[in-house]
Amino acid sequence: GDEGEVGDELGDVLFATVNLVRDVKKDPEQVLRQANAKFERRFRGVEAIIQATGRNLRDVTLDEMEVAWQRVKQSEQS
């Protein structure tokens, strides 16, 4: 589809997601803040792993970033 249609559909997905969050008696803004904090924490971990190899994010592939992301996730779950 065109850009406008894609944007409209994504807006519908976001609206439905907010309604789902409300349905389970959670505050959508707080849930989003927590999700953002978790993403930022994990991304900083990915950066640290990549930098420890002497490279920066521009030098790695998405697959390498995914491996680092999974390492960060695994370390959080331990």
N, C-alpha and C. Protein backbone atom coordinates (compact mmCIF):
# COMPACT_ATOMS: atom_id res chain seq x y z
N GLY A 1 0.81 -1.19 0.00
CA GLY A 1 0.00 0.00 0.00
C GLY A 1 0.86 1.25 0.00
N ASP A 2 0.18 2.39 -0.12
CA ASP A 2 0.94 3.65 -0.09
C ASP A 2 1.25 4.04 1.35
N GLU A 3 2.08 5.06 1.48
CA GLU A 3 2.54 5.50 2.81
C GLU A 3 1.38 5.89 3.72
N GLY A 4 0.38 6.58 3.18
CA GLY A 4 -0.75 7.00 4.00
C GLY A 4 -1.53 5.82 4.55
N GLU A 5 -1.74 4.83 3.71
CA GLU A 5 -2.48 3.64 4.15
C GLU A 5 -1.70 2.88 5.21
N VAL A 6 -0.41 2.76 5.01
CA VAL A 6 0.43 2.06 6.00
C VAL A 6 0.37 2.80 7.33
N GLY A 7 0.49 4.11 7.29
CA GLY A 7 0.41 4.90 8.52
C GLY A 7 -0.92 4.74 9.22
N ASP A 8 -1.99 4.73 8.44
CA ASP A 8 -3.32 4.54 9.02
C ASP A 8 -3.44 3.19 9.70
N GLU A 9 -2.97 2.16 9.05
CA GLU A 9 -3.05 0.82 9.62
C GLU A 9 -2.21 0.70 10.88
N LEU A 10 -1.01 1.29 10.87
CA LEU A 10 -0.17 1.25 12.06
C LEU A 10 -0.82 2.02 13.21
N GLY A 11 -1.48 3.11 12.90
CA GLY A 11 -2.22 3.85 13.92
C GLY A 11 -3.31 2.99 14.53
N ASP A 12 -4.00 2.22 13.69
CA ASP A 12 -5.03 1.31 14.20
C ASP A 12 -4.43 0.26 15.13
N VAL A 13 -3.26 -0.25 14.77
CA VAL A 13 -2.59 -1.25 15.62
C VAL A 13 -2.23 -0.63 16.97
N LEU A 14 -1.70 0.59 16.95
CA LEU A 14 -1.35 1.26 18.20
C LEU A 14 -2.59 1.51 19.06
N PHE A 15 -3.67 1.95 18.44
CA PHE A 15 -4.90 2.20 19.18
C PHE A 15 -5.42 0.91 19.80
N ALA A 16 -5.41 -0.17 19.04
CA ALA A 16 -5.87 -1.46 19.57
C ALA A 16 -4.98 -1.93 20.72
N THR A 17 -3.69 -1.67 20.60
CA THR A 17 -2.76 -2.07 21.66
C THR A 17 -3.04 -1.30 22.95
N VAL A 18 -3.28 0.00 22.83
CA VAL A 18 -3.62 0.81 24.01
C VAL A 18 -4.89 0.27 24.65
N ASN A 19 -5.88 -0.07 23.84
CA ASN A 19 -7.11 -0.62 24.40
C ASN A 19 -6.88 -1.95 25.09
N LEU A 20 -6.01 -2.77 24.55
CA LEU A 20 -5.67 -4.04 25.19
C LEU A 20 -5.01 -3.79 26.55
N VAL A 21 -4.09 -2.85 26.60
CA VAL A 21 -3.42 -2.53 27.86
C VAL A 21 -4.44 -2.06 28.90
N ARG A 22 -5.35 -1.21 28.48
CA ARG A 22 -6.40 -0.74 29.40
C ARG A 22 -7.28 -1.89 29.85
N ASP A 23 -7.56 -2.81 28.94
CA ASP A 23 -8.44 -3.95 29.25
C ASP A 23 -7.84 -4.82 30.36
N VAL A 24 -6.52 -4.90 30.43
CA VAL A 24 -5.89 -5.70 31.49
C VAL A 24 -5.54 -4.84 32.70
N LYS A 25 -6.18 -3.66 32.76
CA LYS A 25 -6.11 -2.77 33.92
C LYS A 25 -4.70 -2.22 34.18
N LYS A 26 -4.01 -1.90 33.10
CA LYS A 26 -2.69 -1.26 33.21
C LYS A 26 -2.77 0.14 32.62
N ASP A 27 -1.85 1.00 33.05
CA ASP A 27 -1.77 2.36 32.54
C ASP A 27 -0.92 2.35 31.27
N PRO A 28 -1.51 2.66 30.11
CA PRO A 28 -0.76 2.59 28.85
C PRO A 28 0.53 3.43 28.86
N GLU A 29 0.46 4.62 29.44
CA GLU A 29 1.66 5.46 29.46
C GLU A 29 2.76 4.82 30.30
N GLN A 30 2.42 4.26 31.44
CA GLN A 30 3.41 3.61 32.29
C GLN A 30 3.99 2.38 31.60
N VAL A 31 3.15 1.61 30.93
CA VAL A 31 3.63 0.43 30.20
C VAL A 31 4.61 0.85 29.11
N LEU A 32 4.29 1.92 28.39
CA LEU A 32 5.19 2.40 27.34
C LEU A 32 6.50 2.91 27.92
N ARG A 33 6.42 3.63 29.05
CA ARG A 33 7.65 4.11 29.68
C ARG A 33 8.55 2.93 30.11
N GLN A 34 7.94 1.89 30.67
CA GLN A 34 8.71 0.71 31.08
C GLN A 34 9.33 0.02 29.87
N ALA A 35 8.56 -0.08 28.79
CA ALA A 35 9.08 -0.72 27.58
C ALA A 35 10.24 0.09 27.00
N ASN A 36 10.11 1.41 27.00
CA ASN A 36 11.20 2.25 26.51
C ASN A 36 12.44 2.12 27.36
N ALA A 37 12.26 2.08 28.67
CA ALA A 37 13.40 1.94 29.58
C ALA A 37 14.10 0.61 29.36
N LYS A 38 13.32 -0.45 29.18
CA LYS A 38 13.91 -1.77 28.94
C LYS A 38 14.67 -1.78 27.62
N PHE A 39 14.08 -1.20 26.57
CA PHE A 39 14.76 -1.15 25.29
C PHE A 39 16.06 -0.38 25.39
N GLU A 40 16.02 0.80 26.03
CA GLU A 40 17.22 1.61 26.14
C GLU A 40 18.31 0.88 26.93
N ARG A 41 17.93 0.23 28.03
CA ARG A 41 18.89 -0.52 28.84
C ARG A 41 19.54 -1.61 28.00
N ARG A 42 18.73 -2.35 27.27
CA ARG A 42 19.26 -3.44 26.45
C ARG A 42 20.13 -2.89 25.31
N PHE A 43 19.69 -1.80 24.70
CA PHE A 43 20.47 -1.24 23.60
C PHE A 43 21.82 -0.76 24.08
N ARG A 44 21.85 -0.16 25.28
CA ARG A 44 23.14 0.27 25.86
C ARG A 44 24.04 -0.96 26.08
N GLY A 45 23.44 -2.07 26.47
CA GLY A 45 24.21 -3.30 26.62
C GLY A 45 24.76 -3.79 25.30
N VAL A 46 23.96 -3.69 24.25
CA VAL A 46 24.43 -4.07 22.90
C VAL A 46 25.60 -3.18 22.50
N GLU A 47 25.47 -1.88 22.72
CA GLU A 47 26.56 -0.96 22.40
C GLU A 47 27.84 -1.35 23.14
N ALA A 48 27.71 -1.69 24.41
CA ALA A 48 28.89 -2.05 25.21
C ALA A 48 29.55 -3.31 24.66
N ILE A 49 28.74 -4.30 24.30
CA ILE A 49 29.29 -5.54 23.74
C ILE A 49 30.03 -5.26 22.44
N ILE A 50 29.42 -4.47 21.57
CA ILE A 50 30.04 -4.15 20.28
C ILE A 50 31.31 -3.35 20.49
N GLN A 51 31.26 -2.34 21.36
CA GLN A 51 32.44 -1.51 21.61
C GLN A 51 33.57 -2.32 22.21
N ALA A 52 33.25 -3.35 22.98
CA ALA A 52 34.28 -4.21 23.58
C ALA A 52 35.07 -4.97 22.52
N THR A 53 34.50 -5.08 21.32
CA THR A 53 35.21 -5.75 20.22
C THR A 53 36.05 -4.76 19.43
N GLY A 54 36.03 -3.47 19.84
CA GLY A 54 36.80 -2.45 19.14
C GLY A 54 36.08 -1.86 17.94
N ARG A 55 34.79 -2.16 17.81
CA ARG A 55 34.03 -1.63 16.67
C ARG A 55 32.90 -0.75 17.19
N ASN A 56 32.23 -0.08 16.28
CA ASN A 56 31.04 0.68 16.67
C ASN A 56 29.85 0.13 15.91
N LEU A 57 28.67 0.63 16.25
CA LEU A 57 27.44 0.08 15.69
C LEU A 57 27.38 0.17 14.17
N ARG A 58 27.99 1.18 13.60
CA ARG A 58 27.98 1.31 12.13
C ARG A 58 28.78 0.21 11.45
N ASP A 59 29.65 -0.47 12.20
CA ASP A 59 30.54 -1.48 11.62
C ASP A 59 30.01 -2.90 11.71
N VAL A 60 28.86 -3.11 12.33
CA VAL A 60 28.36 -4.47 12.53
C VAL A 60 27.10 -4.70 11.72
N THR A 61 26.83 -5.96 11.46
CA THR A 61 25.62 -6.33 10.72
C THR A 61 24.44 -6.43 11.70
N LEU A 62 23.25 -6.47 11.13
CA LEU A 62 22.07 -6.67 11.97
C LEU A 62 22.12 -8.02 12.68
N ASP A 63 22.68 -9.02 12.01
CA ASP A 63 22.81 -10.33 12.66
C ASP A 63 23.73 -10.26 13.88
N GLU A 64 24.82 -9.51 13.77
CA GLU A 64 25.72 -9.36 14.91
C GLU A 64 25.05 -8.58 16.04
N MET A 65 24.26 -7.58 15.68
CA MET A 65 23.53 -6.84 16.70
C MET A 65 22.50 -7.74 17.38
N GLU A 66 21.86 -8.60 16.61
CA GLU A 66 20.89 -9.53 17.19
C GLU A 66 21.55 -10.49 18.18
N VAL A 67 22.73 -10.98 17.84
CA VAL A 67 23.46 -11.86 18.75
C VAL A 67 23.78 -11.12 20.05
N ALA A 68 24.22 -9.88 19.93
CA ALA A 68 24.51 -9.08 21.13
C ALA A 68 23.23 -8.84 21.93
N TRP A 69 22.13 -8.56 21.23
CA TRP A 69 20.84 -8.32 21.90
C TRP A 69 20.43 -9.55 22.70
N GLN A 70 20.57 -10.72 22.10
CA GLN A 70 20.21 -11.96 22.80
C GLN A 70 21.12 -12.20 24.00
N ARG A 71 22.39 -11.83 23.90
CA ARG A 71 23.29 -11.96 25.05
C ARG A 71 22.84 -11.07 26.20
N VAL A 72 22.44 -9.84 25.87
CA VAL A 72 21.97 -8.91 26.90
C VAL A 72 20.70 -9.45 27.55
N LYS A 73 19.77 -9.92 26.72
CA LYS A 73 18.52 -10.48 27.25
C LYS A 73 18.81 -11.66 28.18
N GLN A 74 19.70 -12.52 27.73
CA GLN A 74 20.05 -13.72 28.52
C GLN A 74 20.66 -13.31 29.86
N SER A 75 21.52 -12.31 29.84
CA SER A 75 22.16 -11.87 31.09
C SER A 75 21.13 -11.26 32.05
N GLU A 76 20.10 -10.61 31.52
CA GLU A 76 19.06 -10.06 32.37
C GLU A 76 18.20 -11.14 33.00
N GLN A 77 18.05 -12.22 32.31
CA GLN A 77 17.19 -13.30 32.82
C GLN A 77 17.92 -14.20 33.81
N SER A 78 19.22 -14.06 33.86
CA SER A 78 20.02 -14.89 34.79
C SER A 78 20.01 -14.33 36.18
